[in-house]
Amino acid sequence: MTPKGLHRGAALLEMVTWTLLIIGMILKYSGVTEAVVPIAGGIHGFGFLCFAAITITVWVNNKWTFAQGLMGLIVSLIPWAAFPFTLWADKKGILEGGWRFSTPEETPGNIFDKILAQLVRHPVRSILIIVVL
């Protein structure tokens, strides 16, 4: 999966989970039921963390400016703003390209680049490590 596809998928996940959480809050505060909020909240928390982690990964991989990366993280706090940001980023061309560091020889000394190289070369192992932590 390319950085563009992964970021777009994470943005859609974040947008859908915002919707679930807001529906849960409407049901809670309208007196219908409180049962939806804990479930929707947990799912949204997962979607939020996925979007933030993927945004940081793509920020490093695609060498975004500080302002672009920071904006990518800020939009995750605004309901339904992640997907429009992804569309904007795609239009600007900052999601283009593949993953850097597909071989060990390509990894420079920067710690962020080393972490990115680990994620790109061993995604399943990296995800398992993150889940355990």
Protein backbone atom coordinates (compact mmCIF):
# COMPACT_ATOMS: atom_id res chain seq x y z
CA MET A 1 0.00 0.00 0.00
CA THR A 2 1.28 3.45 -0.88
CA PRO A 3 1.48 6.38 1.54
CA LYS A 4 -1.46 7.98 -0.29
CA GLY A 5 -3.66 4.88 0.03
CA LEU A 6 -2.78 4.31 3.67
CA HIS A 7 -3.38 7.94 4.62
CA ARG A 8 -6.69 8.05 2.75
CA GLY A 9 -7.84 4.84 4.46
CA ALA A 10 -6.89 6.20 7.88
CA ALA A 11 -8.74 9.45 7.15
CA LEU A 12 -11.88 7.52 6.19
CA LEU A 13 -11.59 5.43 9.36
CA GLU A 14 -11.24 8.57 11.45
CA MET A 15 -14.22 10.20 9.75
CA VAL A 16 -16.48 7.14 10.23
CA THR A 17 -15.47 6.76 13.88
CA TRP A 18 -16.20 10.47 14.51
CA THR A 19 -19.69 9.82 13.12
CA LEU A 20 -20.20 6.83 15.43
CA LEU A 21 -19.05 8.81 18.45
CA ILE A 22 -21.26 11.81 17.68
CA ILE A 23 -24.29 9.54 17.13
CA GLY A 24 -23.52 7.93 20.48
CA MET A 25 -23.32 11.32 22.18
CA ILE A 26 -26.62 12.40 20.62
CA LEU A 27 -28.27 9.21 21.88
CA LYS A 28 -26.76 9.72 25.34
CA TYR A 29 -27.70 13.36 25.79
CA SER A 30 -31.17 12.94 24.29
CA GLY A 31 -31.88 10.34 26.96
CA VAL A 32 -32.25 7.37 24.61
CA THR A 33 -29.28 5.28 25.78
CA GLU A 34 -25.79 5.67 27.15
CA ALA A 35 -24.62 2.26 25.93
CA VAL A 36 -23.27 3.46 22.57
CA VAL A 37 -20.75 6.04 23.86
CA PRO A 38 -18.26 3.64 25.51
CA ILE A 39 -18.18 1.42 22.44
CA ALA A 40 -18.05 4.27 19.91
CA GLY A 41 -15.51 6.09 22.07
CA GLY A 42 -13.14 3.15 22.07
CA ILE A 43 -13.51 2.64 18.34
CA HIS A 44 -12.96 6.35 17.71
CA GLY A 45 -9.90 6.36 19.97
CA PHE A 46 -8.41 3.58 17.87
CA GLY A 47 -9.25 5.44 14.63
CA PHE A 48 -7.81 8.67 16.00
CA LEU A 49 -4.54 6.99 17.04
CA CYS A 50 -4.27 5.21 13.68
CA PHE A 51 -4.73 8.46 11.77
CA ALA A 52 -2.21 10.30 13.95
CA ALA A 53 0.40 7.54 13.65
CA ILE A 54 -0.06 7.21 9.90
CA THR A 55 0.07 10.99 9.47
CA ILE A 56 3.39 11.13 11.31
CA THR A 57 4.73 8.21 9.27
CA VAL A 58 3.72 9.83 5.97
CA TRP A 59 5.04 13.20 7.22
CA VAL A 60 8.50 11.67 7.71
CA ASN A 61 8.37 9.51 4.58
CA ASN A 62 7.22 12.26 2.21
CA LYS A 63 9.27 15.00 3.91
CA TRP A 64 6.35 17.31 4.61
CA THR A 65 7.06 20.75 6.00
CA PHE A 66 6.48 21.29 9.71
CA ALA A 67 3.30 23.26 8.95
CA GLN A 68 1.90 20.51 6.72
CA GLY A 69 2.59 17.82 9.30
CA LEU A 70 1.21 19.85 12.17
CA MET A 71 -1.93 20.62 10.18
CA GLY A 72 -2.31 16.90 9.47
CA LEU A 73 -2.33 16.25 13.21
CA ILE A 74 -4.59 19.18 14.09
CA VAL A 75 -7.32 18.12 11.66
CA SER A 76 -7.73 14.86 13.58
CA LEU A 77 -9.18 16.91 16.45
CA ILE A 78 -11.92 18.40 14.24
CA PRO A 79 -14.86 16.16 13.35
CA TRP A 80 -14.80 15.07 9.70
CA ALA A 81 -11.74 17.22 8.84
CA ALA A 82 -9.24 14.39 8.25
CA PHE A 83 -10.62 13.30 4.88
CA PRO A 84 -10.82 16.83 3.40
CA PHE A 85 -7.21 17.32 4.56
CA THR A 86 -6.21 14.11 2.75
CA LEU A 87 -7.93 15.32 -0.42
CA TRP A 88 -6.12 18.66 -0.11
CA ALA A 89 -2.78 16.91 0.49
CA ASP A 90 -3.39 14.69 -2.54
CA LYS A 91 -4.21 17.73 -4.67
CA LYS A 92 -0.98 19.43 -3.49
CA GLY A 93 0.95 16.28 -4.42
CA ILE A 94 2.44 15.73 -0.95
CA LEU A 95 1.08 12.17 -0.76
CA GLU A 96 2.72 11.05 -4.00
CA GLY A 97 5.45 8.46 -4.19
CA GLY A 98 6.22 5.20 -2.52
CA TRP A 99 7.81 4.23 0.75
CA ARG A 100 11.44 5.16 1.26
CA PHE A 101 14.02 2.78 2.75
CA SER A 102 12.87 -0.51 1.33
CA THR A 103 16.38 -1.94 1.77
CA PRO A 104 18.76 -1.63 4.78
CA GLU A 105 21.42 0.10 2.67
CA GLU A 106 19.09 3.07 2.10
CA THR A 107 18.67 3.96 5.79
CA PRO A 108 20.58 7.10 6.86
CA GLY A 109 21.52 7.95 10.46
CA ASN A 110 18.42 9.98 11.44
CA ILE A 111 16.38 8.21 14.16
CA PHE A 112 13.06 9.05 12.47
CA ASP A 113 14.33 7.57 9.22
CA LYS A 114 15.42 4.41 11.07
CA ILE A 115 11.96 4.06 12.62
CA LEU A 116 10.35 4.64 9.23
CA ALA A 117 12.61 2.03 7.67
CA GLN A 118 11.55 -0.46 10.34
CA LEU A 119 7.87 0.26 9.66
CA VAL A 120 8.27 -0.07 5.90
CA ARG A 121 10.40 -3.23 5.93
CA HIS A 122 8.49 -5.08 8.67
CA PRO A 123 4.94 -3.67 8.96
CA VAL A 124 3.37 -6.69 10.68
CA ARG A 125 6.16 -6.97 13.24
CA SER A 126 6.03 -3.21 13.83
CA ILE A 127 2.27 -3.28 14.39
CA LEU A 128 2.62 -6.16 16.85
CA ILE A 129 5.31 -4.26 18.78
CA ILE A 130 3.11 -1.15 18.91
CA VAL A 131 0.10 -3.17 20.11
CA VAL A 132 2.17 -4.81 22.84
CA LEU A 133 3.54 -1.46 23.99
